[in-house]
Protein backbone atom coordinates (compact mmCIF):
# COMPACT_ATOMS: atom_id res chain seq x y z
CA MET A 1 2.90 43.83 -17.53
CA LYS A 2 5.26 41.15 -18.85
CA HIS A 3 7.19 41.13 -15.55
CA THR A 4 3.95 40.82 -13.53
CA MET A 5 2.77 37.91 -15.69
CA THR A 6 6.12 36.11 -15.34
CA ARG A 7 6.00 36.61 -11.59
CA PHE A 8 2.44 35.25 -11.45
CA VAL A 9 3.41 32.15 -13.47
CA CYS A 10 6.41 31.53 -11.17
CA LEU A 11 4.25 31.87 -8.05
CA ALA A 12 1.65 29.54 -9.52
CA ALA A 13 4.36 26.97 -10.31
CA VAL A 14 5.67 27.17 -6.74
CA ALA A 15 2.14 26.73 -5.35
CA VAL A 16 1.59 23.65 -7.52
CA ALA A 17 4.96 22.22 -6.44
CA ILE A 18 4.17 22.77 -2.77
CA ALA A 19 0.73 21.21 -3.19
CA GLY A 20 2.42 18.19 -4.76
CA LEU A 21 4.58 17.78 -1.66
CA ARG A 22 1.62 17.74 0.72
CA ALA A 23 0.56 14.30 1.79
CA GLU A 24 -3.01 13.29 1.08
CA LYS A 25 -5.18 12.06 3.92
CA PHE A 26 -7.71 9.27 3.47
CA SER A 27 -9.74 6.95 5.65
CA ALA A 28 -10.30 3.19 5.64
CA GLY A 29 -12.22 1.32 8.32
CA GLY A 30 -12.54 4.44 10.46
CA ILE A 31 -8.75 4.93 10.56
CA SER A 32 -7.32 8.13 9.10
CA PHE A 33 -4.10 7.54 7.16
CA GLU A 34 -1.70 10.04 5.62
CA GLU A 35 -0.15 9.01 2.33
CA PRO A 36 3.67 8.96 2.35
CA LYS A 37 5.10 11.69 0.12
CA SER A 38 6.82 9.19 -2.19
CA TRP A 39 3.49 7.53 -3.06
CA GLN A 40 1.31 8.69 -5.94
CA THR A 41 -2.46 8.60 -5.51
CA GLN A 42 -4.33 6.56 -8.11
CA LYS A 43 -7.99 6.00 -8.78
CA PRO A 44 -8.89 2.60 -7.28
CA SER A 45 -9.17 0.02 -10.08
CA SER A 46 -11.91 -1.85 -8.20
CA SER A 47 -14.84 -0.89 -5.97
CA MET A 48 -13.36 -3.24 -3.32
CA ARG A 49 -10.34 -0.93 -2.96
CA LYS A 50 -10.66 1.94 -0.50
CA ALA A 51 -7.43 3.57 -1.73
CA GLN A 52 -4.72 2.83 -4.27
CA PHE A 53 -1.20 4.21 -4.79
CA ALA A 54 1.84 3.76 -7.02
CA ILE A 55 5.44 3.92 -5.88
CA LYS A 56 7.78 4.73 -8.74
CA GLY A 57 11.27 3.24 -8.84
CA LYS A 58 14.34 4.88 -10.33
CA ASP A 59 14.22 2.41 -13.23
CA GLY A 60 10.72 3.48 -14.31
CA LYS A 61 9.03 0.43 -12.81
CA SER A 62 6.48 0.81 -10.04
CA ALA A 63 4.88 -1.03 -7.15
CA GLU A 64 1.23 -0.82 -6.15
CA VAL A 65 -0.20 -0.26 -2.67
CA VAL A 66 -3.87 -1.00 -2.09
CA PHE A 67 -6.17 -0.63 0.93
CA PHE A 68 -9.21 -2.83 1.59
CA HIS A 69 -11.86 -2.75 4.32
CA PHE A 70 -14.83 -5.12 4.37
CA GLY A 71 -16.29 -4.37 7.80
CA PRO A 72 -16.22 -6.48 10.99
CA GLY A 73 -15.36 -10.11 10.24
CA GLY A 74 -15.09 -9.42 6.51
CA ALA A 75 -12.60 -11.15 4.17
CA GLY A 76 -11.94 -14.11 6.44
CA GLY A 77 -9.60 -12.66 9.06
CA VAL A 78 -5.85 -12.38 9.45
CA THR A 79 -4.73 -15.99 8.94
CA ALA A 80 -6.90 -16.52 5.86
CA ASN A 81 -5.59 -13.32 4.25
CA VAL A 82 -1.93 -14.07 4.98
CA LYS A 83 -2.43 -17.52 3.41
CA ARG A 84 -4.26 -15.99 0.42
CA TRP A 85 -1.54 -13.36 -0.12
CA LEU A 86 1.25 -15.96 -0.02
CA GLY A 87 -0.83 -18.12 -2.37
CA GLN A 88 -0.61 -15.36 -4.99
CA PHE A 89 2.98 -16.40 -5.65
CA LYS A 90 4.03 -19.17 -8.04
CA GLU A 91 6.35 -20.73 -5.46
CA PRO A 92 5.06 -22.59 -2.39
CA ALA A 93 4.87 -20.43 0.76
CA ASP A 94 7.89 -22.16 2.32
CA GLN A 95 10.09 -20.90 -0.57
CA LEU A 96 9.13 -17.20 -0.32
CA ASN A 97 11.31 -16.18 2.64
CA ALA A 98 7.97 -15.13 4.11
CA GLN A 99 7.93 -13.46 7.49
CA THR A 100 5.02 -12.50 9.70
CA VAL A 101 5.51 -10.02 12.53
CA ILE A 102 2.76 -9.02 14.95
CA GLU A 103 2.88 -5.68 16.78
CA THR A 104 0.47 -3.83 19.01
CA ILE A 105 0.31 -0.08 18.44
CA ASN A 106 -1.75 1.96 20.89
CA GLY A 107 -3.87 -1.11 21.71
CA THR A 108 -4.42 -2.12 18.06
CA LYS A 109 -2.98 -5.38 16.70
CA VAL A 110 -1.10 -5.08 13.39
CA THR A 111 0.19 -8.08 11.45
CA TYR A 112 2.97 -7.36 8.94
CA VAL A 113 3.76 -9.87 6.20
CA THR A 114 6.70 -9.91 3.77
CA ALA A 115 7.54 -12.32 0.95
CA VAL A 116 9.67 -12.45 -2.21
CA GLY A 117 9.13 -14.60 -5.30
CA THR A 118 7.23 -14.82 -8.58
CA PHE A 119 3.98 -12.92 -8.08
CA MET A 120 1.08 -14.13 -10.21
CA LYS A 121 -0.46 -10.82 -11.28
CA GLY A 122 -4.08 -10.74 -12.39
CA PRO A 123 -7.69 -10.82 -11.20
CA PRO A 124 -8.06 -12.28 -7.69
CA PHE A 125 -10.64 -14.87 -8.73
CA GLY A 126 -9.93 -16.79 -11.93
CA GLY A 127 -8.73 -15.12 -15.08
CA ASN A 128 -5.31 -15.16 -16.66
CA LYS A 129 -2.43 -14.66 -14.27
CA VAL A 130 0.90 -13.28 -15.46
CA PRO A 131 4.05 -14.43 -13.64
CA VAL A 132 6.20 -11.50 -12.43
CA PRO A 133 9.57 -12.75 -11.13
CA ASN A 134 11.58 -10.90 -8.45
CA SER A 135 8.45 -9.50 -6.87
CA GLY A 136 7.94 -8.48 -3.29
CA LEU A 137 4.93 -8.37 -1.01
CA LEU A 138 4.58 -6.14 2.02
CA GLY A 139 1.26 -6.46 3.78
CA ALA A 140 -0.21 -4.97 6.92
CA ILE A 141 -3.44 -6.10 8.53
CA VAL A 142 -4.67 -3.50 11.01
CA GLU A 143 -7.32 -4.96 13.32
CA GLY A 144 -9.37 -1.80 13.84
CA LYS A 145 -12.59 -1.32 15.79
CA GLN A 146 -14.65 -1.25 12.55
CA GLY A 147 -13.00 -4.41 11.22
CA ALA A 148 -9.61 -5.11 9.71
CA VAL A 149 -7.94 -2.80 7.21
CA PHE A 150 -5.85 -4.78 4.73
CA ILE A 151 -2.90 -2.96 3.17
CA LYS A 152 -0.94 -4.75 0.46
CA ALA A 153 2.08 -3.52 -1.51
CA THR A 154 3.25 -5.63 -4.45
CA GLY A 155 5.75 -5.03 -7.23
CA PRO A 156 9.48 -5.20 -7.86
CA LYS A 157 11.08 -6.47 -4.65
CA ALA A 158 13.52 -3.53 -4.37
CA ILE A 159 10.69 -0.97 -4.57
CA VAL A 160 8.50 -2.89 -2.12
CA LYS A 161 11.41 -3.24 0.33
CA SER A 162 12.20 0.48 0.01
CA THR A 163 8.67 1.44 1.12
CA GLU A 164 8.59 -0.73 4.25
CA LYS A 165 9.75 2.08 6.55
CA ASN A 166 7.18 4.53 5.07
CA LEU A 167 4.30 2.05 5.30
CA LYS A 168 5.07 1.14 8.92
CA ALA A 169 5.46 4.82 9.88
CA MET A 170 2.12 5.62 8.20
CA VAL A 171 0.34 2.84 10.11
CA SER A 172 1.97 3.81 13.40
CA LYS A 173 1.07 7.49 12.97
CA ALA A 174 -2.55 6.62 12.10
CA LEU A 175 -2.93 4.48 15.21
CA LYS A 176 -1.35 6.98 17.60
CA LYS A 177 -3.98 9.65 16.88
């Protein structure tokens, strides 16, 4: 009996470990995404967020990835959002080493944005902002048929930079379906 119970516990542990390796699927703006394995699903901290994830660094710090979708024409479009995202840094936009790259994947326009500086963390409208130096931003605006999906990763610049390949692969895979 003891051997059978030990075997059952081991099998259960393996099943839980395998389940933890499976990527979660979720949808935003009619686009089905598959969470990269290195991301950890979180409960969205706001009703505006369609999905939210954490990316843990080796030093115990983490970055946050959030997905927004407001419907056709919602949130002011690509240019307004890029400007708003860069405006969330303490430094002026011209000091952030900001880059914007536009790609078309399977007929869908995707705008990628990167920046590095002192991110002013806090509520988007008003409230107390906390300066977080050495932060990175990686954004993707996917111009889908049901309106744009806004994806924004912020946190320690090394962690944000390390997820760029995963985020771009996730977007590409979602749009090639």
